[in-house]
Amino acid sequence: MVTLSADRYYLRALEPEDLEVLYALENDESAWQFSNTVAPFSRQILREYLKNARQDIFEAKQLRLAICAKNRFEALGFIDLFDYEPLHQRAGVGIIVKDASMRGTGIGSEALGMIVDYAFSRLQLHQLYANIDPDNHASVALFTKFGFEISGLKKDWNFIHGAFRDEAIYQLININKLPREF
């Protein structure tokens, strides 16, 4: 059974009330290196994004969900499926938690578990992938905990703070699923 709820957290669709959290995260320059962002976002642009968030993953090729504590509405972070490819039955996955003090508390683990279950059970994906800086030990630990394996290394892939950095590709193959034909 697919569920977007776990022990302490749940995932929900984006709402207009998420504007300020989204604004803070999208304009946090320390996180830009993970999203390849190079310029700030205005509230107006993010309002438009939230208005269009009603598109499903099949239209937008992306799904962003808010991570919330049980019995609370406030977004504590976001988890994304992006570059959705229905023909190839794959998508990328990314996660961000808004407060550094909350990182390492299990929020990312529960959110990733829910999105993996959703992607494989509901969307019938064959695989998920994540692009991770090899020095981001917390992300490497989180994704490998769920069975993601390193499948490649893009050398000098990202230019961050005046230096080129490698980017590793981690993949999780859904071994319990037979290929779907079109």
Foldseek 3Di string as FASTA:
>chain_A
DAAQDDDWKGWDQDDLVCLVLCQLVQQPVVCCQQVVDDDHDDSVVVSVVSVPQVDDCVVQVKHKIFMGTPPDDHGQWIKMWHNRDLQQQETEIDIDGRDPVCQPVCSLLSNVVNVVSCSCPVVVGFKYKYKAFPVPVSVVVSVVVVPWDWDDKAFQPTQDPNGGTIITMTMDGPPVHDDDDD
